Protein backbone atom coordinates (compact mmCIF):
# COMPACT_ATOMS: atom_id res chain seq x y z
CA UNK A 1 -0.79 -65.76 -26.91
CA UNK A 2 -1.47 -63.81 -30.09
CA UNK A 3 -4.19 -64.48 -32.67
CA UNK A 4 -1.48 -65.53 -35.13
CA UNK A 5 -0.28 -68.21 -32.73
CA UNK A 6 -3.81 -69.51 -32.09
CA UNK A 7 -4.56 -69.78 -35.81
CA UNK A 8 -1.32 -71.67 -36.50
CA UNK A 9 -2.56 -75.05 -37.78
CA UNK A 10 0.02 -77.04 -35.80
CA UNK A 11 -0.85 -75.34 -32.51
CA UNK A 12 -4.56 -75.55 -33.20
CA UNK A 13 -4.27 -79.28 -34.00
CA UNK A 14 -2.34 -79.85 -30.76
CA UNK A 15 -4.92 -77.93 -28.72
CA UNK A 16 -7.78 -79.88 -30.28
CA UNK A 17 -5.95 -83.17 -29.67
CA UNK A 18 -5.41 -82.18 -26.04
CA UNK A 19 -9.09 -81.27 -25.71
CA UNK A 20 -10.12 -84.68 -27.01
CA UNK A 21 -7.75 -86.45 -24.63
CA UNK A 22 -8.97 -84.37 -21.67
CA UNK A 23 -12.60 -85.22 -22.45
CA UNK A 24 -11.83 -88.93 -22.70
CA UNK A 25 -9.55 -88.62 -19.67
CA UNK A 26 -12.50 -87.44 -17.58
CA UNK A 27 -14.86 -90.10 -18.98
CA UNK A 28 -12.78 -93.17 -18.11
CA UNK A 29 -12.41 -92.50 -14.35
CA UNK A 30 -16.16 -91.77 -14.20
CA UNK A 31 -16.87 -95.11 -15.89
CA UNK A 32 -14.54 -96.85 -13.43
CA UNK A 33 -16.27 -95.19 -10.49
CA UNK A 34 -19.70 -96.20 -11.80
CA UNK A 35 -18.53 -99.79 -12.25
CA UNK A 36 -17.04 -99.87 -8.74
CA UNK A 37 -20.25 -98.50 -7.22
CA UNK A 38 -22.48 -100.98 -9.05
CA UNK A 39 -20.09 -103.91 -8.70
CA UNK A 40 -21.18 -104.97 -12.19
CA UNK A 41 -19.50 -105.24 -15.56
CA UNK A 42 -22.49 -106.30 -17.63
CA UNK A 43 -22.97 -104.60 -20.99
CA UNK A 44 -19.31 -103.64 -21.01
CA UNK A 45 -17.42 -104.86 -24.07
CA UNK A 46 -13.90 -105.93 -23.11
CA UNK A 47 -12.90 -106.18 -26.77
CA UNK A 48 -14.03 -102.59 -27.35
CA UNK A 49 -12.08 -101.40 -24.31
CA UNK A 50 -8.99 -103.34 -25.46
CA UNK A 51 -9.19 -101.67 -28.88
CA UNK A 52 -9.37 -98.25 -27.22
CA UNK A 53 -6.35 -99.20 -25.09
CA UNK A 54 -4.42 -100.13 -28.24
CA UNK A 55 -5.33 -96.76 -29.73
CA UNK A 56 -3.95 -94.87 -26.73
CA UNK A 57 -0.76 -96.96 -26.80
CA UNK A 58 -0.40 -96.18 -30.52
CA UNK A 59 -0.91 -92.44 -29.89
CA UNK A 60 1.64 -92.37 -27.08
CA UNK A 61 4.07 -94.41 -29.19
CA UNK A 62 3.72 -91.93 -32.05
CA UNK A 63 4.72 -89.09 -29.74
CA UNK A 64 7.67 -91.12 -28.42
CA UNK A 65 8.77 -91.96 -31.98
CA UNK A 66 8.84 -88.26 -32.86
CA UNK A 67 10.76 -87.49 -29.68
CA UNK A 68 13.35 -90.16 -30.50
CA UNK A 69 14.08 -88.33 -33.77
CA UNK A 70 14.97 -85.00 -32.24
CA UNK A 71 11.54 -83.51 -31.65
CA UNK A 72 10.60 -82.45 -28.14
CA UNK A 73 8.17 -84.70 -26.31
CA UNK A 74 4.86 -82.81 -26.46
CA UNK A 75 2.90 -82.32 -23.23
CA UNK A 76 -0.03 -84.17 -24.83
CA UNK A 77 2.05 -87.37 -24.45
CA UNK A 78 1.26 -87.32 -20.73
CA UNK A 79 -2.47 -87.20 -21.50
CA UNK A 80 -2.03 -90.31 -23.65
CA UNK A 81 -0.11 -91.97 -20.82
CA UNK A 82 -2.73 -91.06 -18.20
CA UNK A 83 -5.58 -92.24 -20.42
CA UNK A 84 -3.71 -95.49 -21.14
CA UNK A 85 -3.48 -96.17 -17.40
CA UNK A 86 -7.18 -95.31 -16.90
CA UNK A 87 -8.33 -97.57 -19.73
CA UNK A 88 -6.01 -100.34 -18.49
CA UNK A 89 -7.59 -100.09 -15.03
CA UNK A 90 -11.05 -100.12 -16.61
CA UNK A 91 -10.19 -103.26 -18.57
CA UNK A 92 -8.81 -105.02 -15.50
CA UNK A 93 -11.90 -104.08 -13.51
CA UNK A 94 -14.15 -105.36 -16.31
CA UNK A 95 -12.28 -108.65 -16.29
CA UNK A 96 -12.45 -108.92 -12.50
CA UNK A 97 -16.13 -108.06 -12.21
CA UNK A 98 -17.15 -110.25 -15.15
CA UNK A 99 -15.77 -113.27 -13.30
CA UNK A 100 -18.19 -112.71 -10.41
CA UNK A 101 -21.58 -114.42 -10.44
CA UNK A 102 -24.32 -112.18 -11.80
CA UNK A 103 -26.37 -110.35 -9.20
CA UNK A 104 -30.00 -109.51 -10.07
CA UNK A 105 -30.65 -105.80 -10.53
CA UNK A 106 -33.60 -105.88 -8.14
CA UNK A 107 -34.73 -108.41 -5.62
CA UNK A 108 -38.39 -109.32 -5.13
CA UNK A 109 -39.95 -107.76 -2.05
CA UNK A 110 -40.48 -110.09 0.89
CA UNK A 111 -44.15 -111.11 1.13
């Protein structure tokens, strides 16, 4: 890849978009793992997660809309799709764990 290609604004924008999606793509599975380990969904905003999910669906839909008008489907579409699945799983887990009775963070020591 030449310096001219790297400084092309379209390529640079695509690389930066992919970097953002990769960073978020790593964060969501880690959040899911932490929630599974703790068995708790407290302090997790379902509305916030749902808004993020809508954002990923909108991003993926934008790429599909371009592809339906003769453009090639960019590889970054698959990052949107993967992140959409991760956030969907996170939201379902939040819903499932929030329906459980609250468990105290620490139990008093037996006397």
